[in-house]
Structures are given as structure tokens and as C-alpha cells.
Protein backbone atom coordinates (compact mmCIF):
# COMPACT_ATOMS: atom_id res chain seq x y z
CA MET A 1 -13.01 1.03 -5.52
CA ASP A 2 -16.78 1.21 -4.99
CA SER A 3 -17.37 -1.42 -7.69
CA LEU A 4 -15.09 -4.03 -6.08
CA ALA A 5 -16.64 -6.88 -4.11
CA TYR A 6 -16.48 -7.09 -0.32
CA LEU A 7 -15.56 -10.13 1.75
CA TYR A 8 -18.03 -9.43 4.55
CA GLY A 9 -20.59 -7.51 2.51
CA LYS A 10 -20.66 -3.73 2.16
CA PRO A 11 -20.89 -2.06 5.60
CA THR A 12 -24.09 -0.25 6.40
CA GLY A 13 -22.54 2.05 9.00
CA THR A 14 -20.81 5.27 8.01
CA ALA A 15 -17.98 7.34 9.52
CA ASP A 16 -15.69 10.27 8.81
CA LEU A 17 -12.01 9.60 8.14
CA ARG A 18 -9.33 12.25 8.73
CA SER A 19 -11.54 14.90 10.29
CA THR A 20 -8.15 16.22 11.38
CA THR A 21 -4.67 15.31 10.16
CA ALA A 22 -3.90 13.76 13.56
CA ASP A 23 -6.68 11.19 13.02
CA PHE A 24 -4.45 9.25 10.61
CA LYS A 25 -1.03 8.24 11.96
CA VAL A 26 1.54 6.01 10.25
CA PHE A 27 4.80 4.72 11.73
CA GLU A 28 7.34 2.96 9.52
CA VAL A 29 9.01 -0.16 10.88
CA LEU A 30 12.46 -0.89 9.44
CA PRO A 31 13.85 -4.45 9.66
CA PHE A 32 17.25 -3.04 10.68
CA SER A 33 18.88 -0.07 12.42
CA PRO A 34 21.47 2.19 10.80
CA CYS A 35 24.90 0.82 11.65
CA GLY A 36 26.55 4.20 12.26
CA GLU A 37 28.94 4.27 9.32
CA GLY A 38 28.80 4.28 5.53
CA GLU A 39 27.98 6.53 2.58
CA HIS A 40 24.28 6.98 3.34
CA LEU A 41 22.88 9.32 5.99
CA PHE A 42 19.62 7.87 7.32
CA ILE A 43 17.20 10.46 8.74
CA LYS A 44 14.00 9.60 10.62
CA ILE A 45 11.43 12.34 10.18
CA LYS A 46 8.04 13.07 11.71
CA LYS A 47 5.99 15.10 9.27
CA ILE A 48 2.56 16.71 9.17
CA GLY A 49 0.89 18.13 6.07
CA LEU A 50 3.65 17.18 3.62
CA ASN A 51 3.96 14.24 1.27
CA THR A 52 7.11 12.21 0.73
CA THR A 53 8.21 13.92 -2.47
CA ALA A 54 8.13 17.32 -0.76
CA ILE A 55 10.57 16.07 1.88
CA VAL A 56 12.83 14.71 -0.85
CA ARG A 57 13.02 18.17 -2.41
CA TYR A 58 13.79 19.83 0.93
CA LEU A 59 16.55 17.34 1.76
CA ALA A 60 18.10 17.64 -1.69
CA GLN A 61 18.22 21.41 -1.32
CA TYR A 62 19.64 21.26 2.20
CA PHE A 63 22.45 18.86 1.30
CA SER A 64 22.99 20.40 -2.18
CA VAL A 65 22.53 17.09 -3.97
CA LYS A 66 20.30 15.87 -6.78
CA GLU A 67 16.89 14.54 -5.77
CA GLN A 68 17.89 11.13 -7.16
CA LEU A 69 20.38 10.84 -4.28
CA VAL A 70 17.59 11.04 -1.69
CA SER A 71 15.84 7.71 -1.15
CA TYR A 72 12.98 6.36 0.96
CA ALA A 73 11.29 3.03 1.61
CA GLY A 74 7.72 4.05 0.85
CA LEU A 75 5.46 6.96 -0.08
CA LYS A 76 3.41 8.46 2.72
CA ASP A 77 0.27 10.56 2.65
CA ARG A 78 0.22 14.33 2.98
CA PHE A 79 -2.92 14.31 5.12
CA ALA A 80 -1.47 12.33 8.01
CA VAL A 81 1.01 12.37 10.84
CA THR A 82 3.78 10.04 9.72
CA GLU A 83 7.16 8.87 10.95
CA GLN A 84 9.31 7.94 7.99
CA TRP A 85 12.94 7.19 7.09
CA PHE A 86 14.88 8.93 4.35
CA ALA A 87 18.47 8.41 3.24
CA VAL A 88 20.85 10.80 1.48
CA HIS A 89 23.90 9.52 -0.41
CA LEU A 90 26.76 11.50 1.12
CA PRO A 91 30.15 9.81 0.55
CA GLY A 92 32.92 10.71 2.98
CA LYS A 93 33.09 10.88 6.74
CA GLN A 94 31.62 14.30 7.37
CA VAL A 95 29.71 14.48 10.64
CA PHE A 96 26.43 16.36 10.30
CA ASP A 97 24.57 18.46 12.81
CA LEU A 98 21.01 18.78 11.57
CA SER A 99 19.91 21.29 14.19
CA ASP A 100 19.62 23.93 11.46
CA LEU A 101 17.49 21.73 9.20
CA VAL A 102 14.19 23.49 9.78
CA ILE A 103 11.12 22.58 7.72
CA GLU A 104 7.62 23.67 8.71
CA GLY A 105 5.62 20.62 9.78
CA VAL A 106 8.73 18.46 10.16
CA GLU A 107 10.59 17.17 13.21
CA ILE A 108 13.95 15.37 12.93
CA LEU A 109 13.69 12.39 15.27
CA GLU A 110 17.11 10.76 14.74
CA TYR A 111 19.83 10.28 12.16
CA ALA A 112 22.85 8.06 11.59
CA ARG A 113 25.04 6.79 8.77
CA HIS A 114 24.53 3.41 7.14
CA ASN A 115 26.45 1.31 4.62
CA LYS A 116 23.54 0.53 2.29
CA LYS A 117 21.02 2.57 0.33
CA LEU A 118 17.45 2.77 1.59
CA ARG A 119 15.39 1.11 -1.13
CA ILE A 120 11.69 1.11 -1.96
CA GLY A 121 9.92 -1.59 0.02
CA ALA A 122 12.75 -2.03 2.54
CA LEU A 123 10.28 -2.14 5.43
CA SER A 124 8.99 -4.74 7.83
CA GLY A 125 5.74 -2.86 7.56
CA ASN A 126 3.81 0.09 8.98
CA ARG A 127 1.84 0.64 12.17
CA PHE A 128 -1.36 2.64 11.85
CA GLU A 129 -3.39 4.54 14.44
CA ILE A 130 -6.63 5.70 12.84
CA THR A 131 -9.50 7.57 14.46
CA LEU A 132 -12.95 7.42 12.86
CA ARG A 133 -15.50 10.06 13.89
CA ASN A 134 -19.28 10.39 13.58
CA VAL A 135 -19.57 6.59 13.47
CA THR A 136 -23.24 5.72 12.95
CA ASP A 137 -23.08 2.06 14.05
CA ILE A 138 -20.23 1.33 16.44
CA ASN A 139 -21.54 -2.15 17.26
CA GLU A 140 -21.41 -3.21 13.59
CA LEU A 141 -17.91 -1.79 13.27
CA ILE A 142 -16.73 -3.74 16.33
CA ARG A 143 -18.25 -6.99 14.99
CA ARG A 144 -16.52 -6.50 11.67
CA TRP A 145 -13.26 -5.59 13.42
CA HIS A 146 -13.19 -8.94 15.20
CA ALA A 147 -13.77 -10.80 11.92
CA VAL A 148 -11.11 -8.78 10.12
CA SER A 149 -8.62 -9.29 12.97
CA GLU A 150 -9.23 -13.04 12.90
CA PHE A 151 -9.22 -13.78 9.17
CA GLY A 152 -8.15 -10.66 7.25
CA VAL A 153 -9.48 -8.74 4.25
CA PRO A 154 -9.05 -8.82 0.47
CA ASN A 155 -5.58 -7.49 -0.28
CA TYR A 156 -6.77 -4.82 -2.70
CA PHE A 157 -4.45 -2.03 -3.71
CA GLY A 158 -6.00 1.05 -2.13
CA GLU A 159 -7.56 4.04 -3.83
CA GLN A 160 -4.39 6.09 -3.26
CA ARG A 161 -2.58 3.96 -5.84
CA PHE A 162 -4.89 5.21 -8.59
CA GLY A 163 -4.75 8.95 -7.91
CA ILE A 164 -7.57 11.44 -7.52
CA GLU A 165 -10.58 10.30 -9.58
CA GLY A 166 -8.43 7.52 -11.07
CA GLY A 167 -6.06 9.99 -12.69
CA ASN A 168 -3.09 7.60 -12.61
CA LEU A 169 -5.05 5.05 -14.64
CA THR A 170 -5.94 7.70 -17.21
CA ARG A 171 -2.25 8.61 -17.49
CA ALA A 172 -1.39 4.91 -17.84
CA LYS A 173 -3.76 4.57 -20.79
CA GLU A 174 -2.15 7.60 -22.43
CA LEU A 175 1.30 6.14 -21.78
CA PHE A 176 0.35 2.83 -23.41
CA ALA A 177 -1.15 4.74 -26.35
CA GLY A 178 2.23 6.31 -27.05
CA LYS A 179 2.35 9.51 -24.98
CA LYS A 180 5.88 10.23 -23.73
CA VAL A 181 6.43 10.59 -19.98
CA LYS A 182 10.00 11.71 -19.28
CA ASP A 183 9.69 11.75 -15.50
CA LYS A 184 10.74 8.26 -14.41
CA LYS A 185 8.89 8.41 -11.07
CA LYS A 186 5.64 9.53 -12.68
CA ARG A 187 5.96 6.82 -15.31
CA GLY A 188 6.48 4.28 -12.51
CA LEU A 189 3.34 5.49 -10.73
CA TYR A 190 1.25 5.07 -13.88
CA LEU A 191 2.61 1.58 -14.57
CA SER A 192 2.01 0.59 -10.95
CA ALA A 193 -1.57 1.88 -11.11
CA ALA A 194 -2.33 -0.23 -14.21
CA ARG A 195 -0.79 -3.34 -12.66
CA SER A 196 -2.63 -2.77 -9.39
CA PHE A 197 -5.93 -2.35 -11.24
CA LEU A 198 -5.48 -5.75 -12.92
CA PHE A 199 -4.63 -7.37 -9.58
CA ASN A 200 -7.73 -5.90 -7.95
CA GLN A 201 -9.90 -7.29 -10.75
CA GLN A 202 -8.63 -10.80 -9.99
CA ILE A 203 -9.60 -10.51 -6.32
CA HIS A 204 -12.98 -9.10 -7.32
CA GLN A 205 -13.54 -12.06 -9.63
CA ARG A 206 -12.72 -14.63 -6.92
CA LEU A 207 -14.98 -12.90 -4.41
CA SER A 208 -17.81 -12.65 -6.94
CA THR A 209 -17.61 -16.39 -7.66
CA ASN A 210 -17.21 -17.39 -3.98
CA HIS A 211 -13.65 -18.63 -4.55
CA PHE A 212 -11.82 -16.17 -2.34
CA GLU A 213 -11.48 -18.61 0.57
CA GLN A 214 -11.74 -21.77 -1.56
CA LEU A 215 -8.57 -23.54 -2.65
CA ILE A 216 -8.50 -24.66 -6.27
CA CYS A 217 -6.09 -27.13 -7.84
CA GLY A 218 -3.88 -24.95 -10.02
CA ASP A 219 -3.70 -22.05 -7.55
CA VAL A 220 -0.27 -20.67 -6.72
CA MET A 221 0.32 -20.44 -2.97
CA MET A 222 2.72 -18.17 -1.08
CA LEU A 223 4.42 -19.08 2.18
CA SER A 224 3.75 -16.65 5.03
CA GLY A 225 6.44 -14.05 5.59
CA THR A 226 8.23 -14.84 2.32
CA GLN A 227 7.89 -14.43 -1.42
CA SER A 228 8.31 -18.19 -1.92
CA VAL A 229 5.51 -19.76 -3.97
CA PHE A 230 4.43 -23.21 -5.10
CA LEU A 231 1.78 -24.70 -7.38
CA LEU A 232 -1.14 -26.33 -5.58
CA GLU A 233 -1.61 -29.72 -7.23
CA GLU A 234 -3.85 -31.34 -4.61
CA VAL A 235 -6.29 -29.99 -2.04
CA ASP A 236 -6.48 -31.93 1.22
CA GLN A 237 -7.22 -31.26 4.89
CA VAL A 238 -3.59 -30.48 5.66
CA ILE A 239 -3.34 -27.76 3.03
CA GLU A 240 -6.74 -26.35 4.00
CA GLN A 241 -5.63 -26.12 7.64
CA ARG A 242 -2.43 -24.34 6.62
CA LEU A 243 -4.62 -21.72 4.90
CA VAL A 244 -6.73 -21.33 8.05
CA ASP A 245 -3.56 -21.03 10.16
CA LYS A 246 -2.23 -18.31 7.81
CA ASP A 247 0.84 -20.39 7.03
CA ILE A 248 0.07 -20.05 3.32
CA ASP A 249 -2.08 -17.81 1.12
CA ILE A 250 -3.63 -17.89 -2.33
CA THR A 251 -2.00 -15.50 -4.81
CA ALA A 252 -3.00 -13.61 -7.93
CA ALA A 253 -0.88 -12.29 -10.79
CA LEU A 254 1.00 -9.01 -10.84
CA TRP A 255 0.96 -8.71 -14.60
CA GLY A 256 4.04 -8.64 -16.79
CA ALA A 257 6.15 -10.65 -19.21
CA GLY A 258 6.82 -14.32 -18.61
CA SER A 259 4.85 -17.51 -18.09
CA ILE A 260 1.90 -17.59 -15.71
CA MET A 261 2.40 -20.15 -12.96
CA THR A 262 -1.24 -21.10 -12.40
CA LYS A 263 -3.05 -24.05 -14.00
CA GLY A 264 -6.60 -25.10 -14.80
CA ILE A 265 -9.51 -22.81 -13.90
CA THR A 266 -7.29 -20.29 -12.14
CA LEU A 267 -5.13 -19.95 -15.26
CA GLU A 268 -8.21 -19.48 -17.44
CA HIS A 269 -9.43 -16.66 -15.20
CA GLU A 270 -6.06 -14.91 -15.22
CA LEU A 271 -5.78 -15.20 -18.99
CA GLN A 272 -9.16 -13.48 -19.29
CA LEU A 273 -7.38 -10.30 -18.23
CA ARG A 274 -5.67 -10.20 -21.63
CA GLU A 275 -9.06 -10.25 -23.33
CA SER A 276 -10.71 -7.73 -20.99
CA TYR A 277 -7.81 -5.26 -20.64
CA PRO A 278 -5.43 -5.83 -23.58
CA ASP A 279 -4.00 -2.30 -23.47
CA PHE A 280 -2.93 -2.67 -19.84
CA CYS A 281 -1.58 -6.23 -20.21
CA GLN A 282 0.36 -5.52 -23.37
CA GLY A 283 1.53 -2.14 -22.11
CA LEU A 284 3.02 -3.55 -18.91
CA ILE A 285 4.94 -6.14 -20.91
CA LYS A 286 6.15 -3.48 -23.35
CA PHE A 287 7.56 -1.43 -20.48
CA GLY A 288 9.50 -4.39 -19.13
CA LEU A 289 7.51 -5.54 -16.10
CA LYS A 290 7.77 -9.23 -15.22
CA GLN A 291 5.16 -11.69 -13.96
CA GLU A 292 5.06 -11.78 -10.16
CA ARG A 293 2.64 -12.98 -7.50
CA ARG A 294 0.90 -11.23 -4.58
CA LYS A 295 -1.28 -12.64 -1.82
CA ILE A 296 -5.00 -12.05 -2.22
CA ARG A 297 -5.57 -11.98 1.56
CA LEU A 298 -4.27 -9.22 3.82
CA THR A 299 -3.92 -10.09 7.50
CA ILE A 300 -3.38 -7.53 10.24
CA SER A 301 -1.49 -7.95 13.52
CA ASP A 302 -1.06 -6.31 16.94
CA THR A 303 -4.63 -5.09 16.78
CA CYS A 304 -6.34 -2.77 19.23
CA ILE A 305 -9.71 -1.01 19.20
CA ASP A 306 -10.89 1.78 21.48
CA SER A 307 -14.45 3.07 21.16
CA ASN A 308 -16.18 6.07 22.70
CA LYS A 309 -19.90 5.71 22.11
CA ASP A 310 -20.68 9.05 23.76
CA GLN A 311 -18.62 10.80 21.09
CA ASN A 312 -19.40 8.31 18.28
CA CYS A 313 -15.68 7.79 17.87
CA VAL A 314 -13.50 4.69 17.30
CA THR A 315 -9.70 4.46 17.24
CA LEU A 316 -8.06 1.47 15.54
CA SER A 317 -4.43 0.40 15.84
CA PHE A 318 -2.82 -2.34 13.74
CA ASN A 319 0.26 -3.39 11.82
CA LEU A 320 0.36 -4.06 8.09
CA PRO A 321 3.08 -5.59 5.93
CA ALA A 322 4.94 -3.27 3.57
CA GLY A 323 3.05 -2.44 0.38
CA CYS A 324 -0.42 -2.89 1.89
CA PHE A 325 -3.11 -0.27 2.44
CA ALA A 326 -4.93 0.75 5.61
CA THR A 327 -7.87 2.01 3.56
CA THR A 328 -8.30 -1.55 2.26
CA VAL A 329 -8.89 -2.62 5.86
CA LEU A 330 -11.21 0.31 6.58
CA ARG A 331 -13.52 -0.37 3.60
CA GLU A 332 -14.49 -3.74 5.12
CA LEU A 333 -15.28 -2.08 8.47
CA VAL A 334 -17.32 0.99 7.62
CA ASP A 335 -18.52 3.08 4.69
CA TYR A 336 -16.13 5.93 5.40
CA ARG A 337 -15.94 9.42 3.96
CA ASP A 338 -12.42 10.79 3.61
CA LEU A 339 -12.78 14.43 4.56
CA THR A 340 -9.51 15.43 2.89
CA GLN A 341 -11.36 15.14 -0.42
CA ARG A 342 -13.14 18.39 0.44
CA ASP A 343 -9.87 20.26 0.06
CA PHE A 344 -8.87 19.02 -3.38
CA THR A 345 -8.86 21.17 -6.48
CA PRO A 346 -8.79 18.43 -9.17
CA ASN A 347 -6.71 20.41 -11.67
CA ASP A 348 -4.11 21.58 -9.14
CA PRO A 349 -1.16 19.14 -9.37
CA SER A 350 0.31 20.46 -6.14
CA GLN A 351 -2.60 18.90 -4.27
CA LYS A 352 -2.20 15.40 -5.65
CA VAL A 353 -1.64 12.93 -2.85
CA VAL A 354 0.16 9.62 -3.08
CA SER A 355 0.49 7.04 -0.37
């Protein structure tokens, strides 16, 4: 991530992230509430010190089902306080009392049946409450916060997507070179890491050429709050104002099979990925991924900042859409040091963290 371009320039101030687990809080926001009946038992859990896959194992054991029958909307970090929904496929009308479901570091907040499976990405978004400590330049951080709150940041996939020291990308290269990966979830992580890397390179290229905020004929635009896209054939004041108003956003390719929607200069730049990273581009197609689009700008909402200059401490609160990374916001605010990295033993797979 250090090599990727910044929108507002690299911050000069530094800070410590996750000095304690409670300094990083994440709250899932579902677009619906469980209806009270159906084959799926939805369980809202508050967890500390455990990642999502650990909870899946515990729930599978408790309900005596296969892990594949336990679903969730998104992966959450181990080194955080998180509130997250899980669902267990339990056909029938049995009424459960989860008072005896005891897991260290876990609190059951609520549960109810629902008539549909909880699927990956089935979120409105996440709310974050993040405390930064030992902040060396609070004034700079506040100035950047106002700019980020007003316009947004590059919608990079965060460092968590790539694993410790980029391990998921290394595994992706091995996968594309022919190494067998039987575990479907691990294979999905490696494919996602490769695809995310290619997407980040496109944002980096636009920032490096001062085209991040500049509309280009041939761009593909996405309507706010939807996945609907259209080809930009003419740039005028109306379309520029819609970009300013966050009604539309420029997109970049999520690589896969199929035709690329862009035209002109934008198409040329996206096709350069095939020349620069042929193993990733060809590998993603081989494994069946399809061309999609993703916004290059990430906007935050419901923002709040609370600073304590006596303690060199700042707490940030904000909402992000599903699939977006809080660390992507933080990197534009301050040069942070994630203190959880001190606890990692690189060759210990039990300490790998996904988010």
C-alpha cells in the first residue's frame, strides 16, 4: 500500500492505531431485520479478539452442522470490537434458547429466524469508531478530515485484503501457476486479492496522471447507491456537477472475462493491465471471474471527530458502504502504525487476520 498514490499527498503526521482492541470498533448495518420465521437462524454477535472464521467454527460445533451451513455478510478483524450477524441453516420450527452458547470474548446480542440466507455483501454498510493515539499533528489530521468528509478518498482495497506481507498475492501467483488449492474459501481470498491489486493499480494510475477527479470521454460512470453504470460520451457542466454532488462516480475495472465497457484513453489504460500483469489477468479469467465495475472514489457519511490534544488522541466515527475499508480512509488522514503487527508471527497461520 505504501507505493500507491495519495489524493491529498502523504500525511506528515503519525499516530498509533489499535493501541488496544477497543480502539477499533465496527458495527454492521443490515438493510433488513429478521422476519421471525424461516429456515435460517440469524444471530447478532459482539466479539472481541476473534475473527469471523473462528465464530463460524464455534457455531457449527454448537448446532452440530457443517461449517458451510453457517453464513455471514462480511469478514471482520480479529483485533477489534465488532458487532456482526451470522446465520445458521436450521430447517424446522425448533425454538432455540442460546443462553448456554458461551464463547470467550463473545456476547449474543439478539437472534431470530429469517426466511432467506445471509449472503456475502448483504449489508447496507458498516459504522466505524476508531481511536488514534500518540497523534503528532492533530491540526493536520483535522484539516484532512474535513477534506475527506467533503469529497472522499480513493476507493483502494485495504491492506487486509492482501494478507500479512502480501501473502494472499503470493498464494494467488502460485494458484495461477498451477498449484492446487482445495479449500474454496482460501481460493476465493487469493482470487479476490489478485483482482483487488489490479483495481488499486488503476486508481494509482489515475492519481499519478492527475485524472482522478477529471472526467474523460470513454469513462464508465456509476449511479450513486446502485450498481447501474453508463458510458460517458460527452463531458459538460451538468455531468461535472453531478460528480461534485456525488450523484455519479467514475469507475475502474474489476478484472475478469467479458468485454471492457470503457472507450478511448480510459480503455487503453485498462488494457495495459494485461501487458503489465498477464498472470493475474489471465488467471482471473481462467477461474471464471467476470468483468465488473467499482467506483474509484469512496465517500463517507455521518461523520464525527473528537480530539483530545492534552492526550494526543483523536476518535473518528463514520459510515462506509459494504465492501469498503476504514484503513483506506485512515491512510489519507495520518501515517498510522498498526500496533497489532507487533503480535504477529509471520509463519503462524492461526494469527492471520482477514477483514
